[in-house]
């Protein structure tokens, strides 16, 4: 079996707001760990998950350290397939310019097609 056959297409789906639960932060940590194993990783941000990428988050008022800039490290781990749901951005009054990383904005049906192409989809 060649090494090529061992590579799995894995999509992480971020659906929750970044603060108030551990899901987004732990999801990010899982992505960084999996990236070390050279899998074909992608990340989709849907619903309140788009807030995880918002620039200039001020978390001082809730007494925790912000981690949105950590998403900028994904590029260094060759995790470059970042997708954001267009409607989720628009509903929250955000644009691509409001995000800390470069993303590909897609509609829900396009993201759904990508999900169907994956070997594994992990929801956070």
C-alpha atoms as a PDB file:
ATOM      1  CA  UNK A   1       0.000   0.000   0.000  1.00  0.00           C
ATOM      2  CA  UNK A   2       1.430   3.327  -1.006  1.00  0.00           C
ATOM      3  CA  UNK A   3       1.658   6.309   1.283  1.00  0.00           C
ATOM      4  CA  UNK A   4      -0.749   8.148  -1.050  1.00  0.00           C
ATOM      5  CA  UNK A   5      -3.547   5.724  -0.175  1.00  0.00           C
ATOM      6  CA  UNK A   6      -3.157   6.452   3.547  1.00  0.00           C
ATOM      7  CA  UNK A   7      -4.113  10.107   3.104  1.00  0.00           C
ATOM      8  CA  UNK A   8      -7.705  10.808   4.114  1.00  0.00           C
ATOM      9  CA  UNK A   9      -9.807  13.798   3.121  1.00  0.00           C
ATOM     10  CA  UNK A  10     -10.999  15.236   6.428  1.00  0.00           C
ATOM     11  CA  UNK A  11     -13.218  18.279   6.855  1.00  0.00           C
ATOM     12  CA  UNK A  12     -13.673  20.017  10.179  1.00  0.00           C
ATOM     13  CA  UNK A  13     -16.906  21.975  10.498  1.00  0.00           C
ATOM     14  CA  UNK A  14     -16.978  24.892  12.921  1.00  0.00           C
ATOM     15  CA  UNK A  15     -20.573  25.796  13.789  1.00  0.00           C
ATOM     16  CA  UNK A  16     -20.367  27.365  17.249  1.00  0.00           C
ATOM     17  CA  UNK A  17     -19.332  30.787  18.479  1.00  0.00           C
ATOM     18  CA  UNK A  18     -15.674  30.716  19.559  1.00  0.00           C
ATOM     19  CA  UNK A  19     -16.209  31.664  23.188  1.00  0.00           C
ATOM     20  CA  UNK A  20     -18.530  30.274  25.821  1.00  0.00           C
ATOM     21  CA  UNK A  21     -17.670  26.646  25.087  1.00  0.00           C
ATOM     22  CA  UNK A  22     -14.534  24.648  24.374  1.00  0.00           C
ATOM     23  CA  UNK A  23     -15.646  23.270  21.003  1.00  0.00           C
ATOM     24  CA  UNK A  24     -14.002  25.774  18.683  1.00  0.00           C
ATOM     25  CA  UNK A  25     -10.714  25.927  20.592  1.00  0.00           C
ATOM     26  CA  UNK A  26     -10.468  22.146  20.901  1.00  0.00           C
ATOM     27  CA  UNK A  27     -11.429  21.808  17.250  1.00  0.00           C
ATOM     28  CA  UNK A  28      -8.578  24.124  16.297  1.00  0.00           C
ATOM     29  CA  UNK A  29      -6.158  22.098  18.416  1.00  0.00           C
ATOM     30  CA  UNK A  30      -7.367  18.885  16.769  1.00  0.00           C
ATOM     31  CA  UNK A  31      -6.818  20.395  13.312  1.00  0.00           C
ATOM     32  CA  UNK A  32      -3.259  21.410  14.197  1.00  0.00           C
ATOM     33  CA  UNK A  33      -2.497  17.930  15.545  1.00  0.00           C
ATOM     34  CA  UNK A  34      -4.003  16.199  12.510  1.00  0.00           C
ATOM     35  CA  UNK A  35      -2.058  18.501  10.180  1.00  0.00           C
ATOM     36  CA  UNK A  36       1.156  17.036  11.567  1.00  0.00           C
ATOM     37  CA  UNK A  37       0.058  13.692  10.086  1.00  0.00           C
ATOM     38  CA  UNK A  38      -0.199  15.162   6.589  1.00  0.00           C
ATOM     39  CA  UNK A  39      -3.860  14.449   5.973  1.00  0.00           C
ATOM     40  CA  UNK A  40      -5.879  16.385   3.366  1.00  0.00           C
ATOM     41  CA  UNK A  41      -7.577  18.798   5.766  1.00  0.00           C
ATOM     42  CA  UNK A  42     -10.194  21.444   5.140  1.00  0.00           C
ATOM     43  CA  UNK A  43     -12.248  23.591   7.494  1.00  0.00           C
ATOM     44  CA  UNK A  44     -15.752  24.954   6.937  1.00  0.00           C
ATOM     45  CA  UNK A  45     -17.145  27.777   9.069  1.00  0.00           C
ATOM     46  CA  UNK A  46     -20.929  27.761   9.249  1.00  0.00           C
ATOM     47  CA  UNK A  47     -23.445  29.630  11.399  1.00  0.00           C
ATOM     48  CA  UNK A  48     -21.891  31.228  14.491  1.00  0.00           C
ATOM     49  CA  UNK A  49     -18.658  29.426  13.586  1.00  0.00           C
ATOM     50  CA  UNK A  50     -17.793  32.370  11.324  1.00  0.00           C
ATOM     51  CA  UNK A  51     -17.214  34.457  14.463  1.00  0.00           C
ATOM     52  CA  UNK A  52     -14.125  32.333  15.195  1.00  0.00           C
ATOM     53  CA  UNK A  53     -12.358  34.136  12.329  1.00  0.00           C
ATOM     54  CA  UNK A  54     -13.453  37.677  13.153  1.00  0.00           C
ATOM     55  CA  UNK A  55     -10.641  40.215  13.404  1.00  0.00           C
ATOM     56  CA  UNK A  56     -10.007  42.302  16.519  1.00  0.00           C
ATOM     57  CA  UNK A  57     -11.882  40.171  19.024  1.00  0.00           C
ATOM     58  CA  UNK A  58     -11.764  41.666  22.511  1.00  0.00           C
ATOM     59  CA  UNK A  59     -12.136  38.886  25.064  1.00  0.00           C
ATOM     60  CA  UNK A  60     -10.957  40.871  28.103  1.00  0.00           C
ATOM     61  CA  UNK A  61     -14.530  41.424  29.255  1.00  0.00           C
ATOM     62  CA  UNK A  62     -15.137  37.682  29.555  1.00  0.00           C
ATOM     63  CA  UNK A  63     -11.797  36.995  31.223  1.00  0.00           C
ATOM     64  CA  UNK A  64     -10.299  34.641  28.652  1.00  0.00           C
ATOM     65  CA  UNK A  65      -7.489  34.859  26.152  1.00  0.00           C
ATOM     66  CA  UNK A  66      -8.623  35.167  22.542  1.00  0.00           C
ATOM     67  CA  UNK A  67      -7.358  32.645  20.029  1.00  0.00           C
ATOM     68  CA  UNK A  68      -8.683  33.839  16.654  1.00  0.00           C
ATOM     69  CA  UNK A  69      -5.156  34.716  15.501  1.00  0.00           C
ATOM     70  CA  UNK A  70      -4.182  31.074  16.005  1.00  0.00           C
ATOM     71  CA  UNK A  71      -6.174  30.314  12.864  1.00  0.00           C
ATOM     72  CA  UNK A  72      -3.432  32.230  11.029  1.00  0.00           C
ATOM     73  CA  UNK A  73      -1.058  29.379  11.944  1.00  0.00           C
ATOM     74  CA  UNK A  74      -3.037  26.909   9.826  1.00  0.00           C
ATOM     75  CA  UNK A  75      -1.287  28.099   6.676  1.00  0.00           C
ATOM     76  CA  UNK A  76       2.060  27.080   8.174  1.00  0.00           C
ATOM     77  CA  UNK A  77       0.665  23.577   8.626  1.00  0.00           C
ATOM     78  CA  UNK A  78      -0.521  23.442   4.991  1.00  0.00           C
ATOM     79  CA  UNK A  79      -4.167  23.717   6.029  1.00  0.00           C
ATOM     80  CA  UNK A  80      -5.171  26.141   3.304  1.00  0.00           C
ATOM     81  CA  UNK A  81      -8.688  24.965   2.420  1.00  0.00           C
ATOM     82  CA  UNK A  82     -10.810  27.283   4.541  1.00  0.00           C
ATOM     83  CA  UNK A  83     -14.431  27.709   3.511  1.00  0.00           C
ATOM     84  CA  UNK A  84     -17.020  30.106   4.895  1.00  0.00           C
ATOM     85  CA  UNK A  85     -20.759  29.910   4.351  1.00  0.00           C
ATOM     86  CA  UNK A  86     -21.870  33.048   2.476  1.00  0.00           C
ATOM     87  CA  UNK A  87     -25.262  33.305   4.181  1.00  0.00           C
ATOM     88  CA  UNK A  88     -23.719  32.882   7.640  1.00  0.00           C
ATOM     89  CA  UNK A  89     -21.391  35.826   6.975  1.00  0.00           C
ATOM     90  CA  UNK A  90     -24.167  38.018   5.595  1.00  0.00           C
ATOM     91  CA  UNK A  91     -26.580  37.234   8.440  1.00  0.00           C
ATOM     92  CA  UNK A  92     -23.947  38.394  10.935  1.00  0.00           C
ATOM     93  CA  UNK A  93     -23.068  41.571   9.046  1.00  0.00           C
ATOM     94  CA  UNK A  94     -19.569  40.323   8.197  1.00  0.00           C
ATOM     95  CA  UNK A  95     -17.524  40.265   4.987  1.00  0.00           C
ATOM     96  CA  UNK A  96     -14.293  38.541   4.003  1.00  0.00           C
ATOM     97  CA  UNK A  97     -12.447  41.716   5.026  1.00  0.00           C
ATOM     98  CA  UNK A  98     -13.588  41.157   8.629  1.00  0.00           C
ATOM     99  CA  UNK A  99     -11.748  37.812   8.870  1.00  0.00           C
ATOM    100  CA  UNK A 100      -8.219  37.096  10.121  1.00  0.00           C
ATOM    101  CA  UNK A 101      -7.410  34.591   7.343  1.00  0.00           C
ATOM    102  CA  UNK A 102      -8.052  34.200   3.634  1.00  0.00           C
ATOM    103  CA  UNK A 103     -11.086  32.044   2.987  1.00  0.00           C
ATOM    104  CA  UNK A 104     -13.193  30.895   0.089  1.00  0.00           C
ATOM    105  CA  UNK A 105     -16.776  32.066   0.521  1.00  0.00           C
ATOM    106  CA  UNK A 106     -19.274  29.514  -0.782  1.00  0.00           C
ATOM    107  CA  UNK A 107     -22.994  28.958  -0.637  1.00  0.00           C
ATOM    108  CA  UNK A 108     -24.431  26.121   1.440  1.00  0.00           C
ATOM    109  CA  UNK A 109     -24.887  23.781  -1.539  1.00  0.00           C
ATOM    110  CA  UNK A 110     -21.218  24.153  -2.543  1.00  0.00           C
ATOM    111  CA  UNK A 111     -20.079  23.403   1.021  1.00  0.00           C
ATOM    112  CA  UNK A 112     -22.461  20.432   1.073  1.00  0.00           C
ATOM    113  CA  UNK A 113     -20.867  19.060  -2.101  1.00  0.00           C
ATOM    114  CA  UNK A 114     -17.427  19.393  -0.524  1.00  0.00           C
ATOM    115  CA  UNK A 115     -18.641  17.548   2.580  1.00  0.00           C
ATOM    116  CA  UNK A 116     -19.847  14.685   0.403  1.00  0.00           C
ATOM    117  CA  UNK A 117     -16.345  14.350  -1.108  1.00  0.00           C
ATOM    118  CA  UNK A 118     -14.702  13.832   2.295  1.00  0.00           C
ATOM    119  CA  UNK A 119     -13.688  10.535   3.885  1.00  0.00           C
ATOM    120  CA  UNK A 120     -14.473  12.020   7.312  1.00  0.00           C
ATOM    121  CA  UNK A 121     -16.431  15.088   8.500  1.00  0.00           C
ATOM    122  CA  UNK A 122     -15.864  16.196  12.101  1.00  0.00           C
ATOM    123  CA  UNK A 123     -18.281  18.684  13.649  1.00  0.00           C
ATOM    124  CA  UNK A 124     -17.097  21.061  16.386  1.00  0.00           C
END
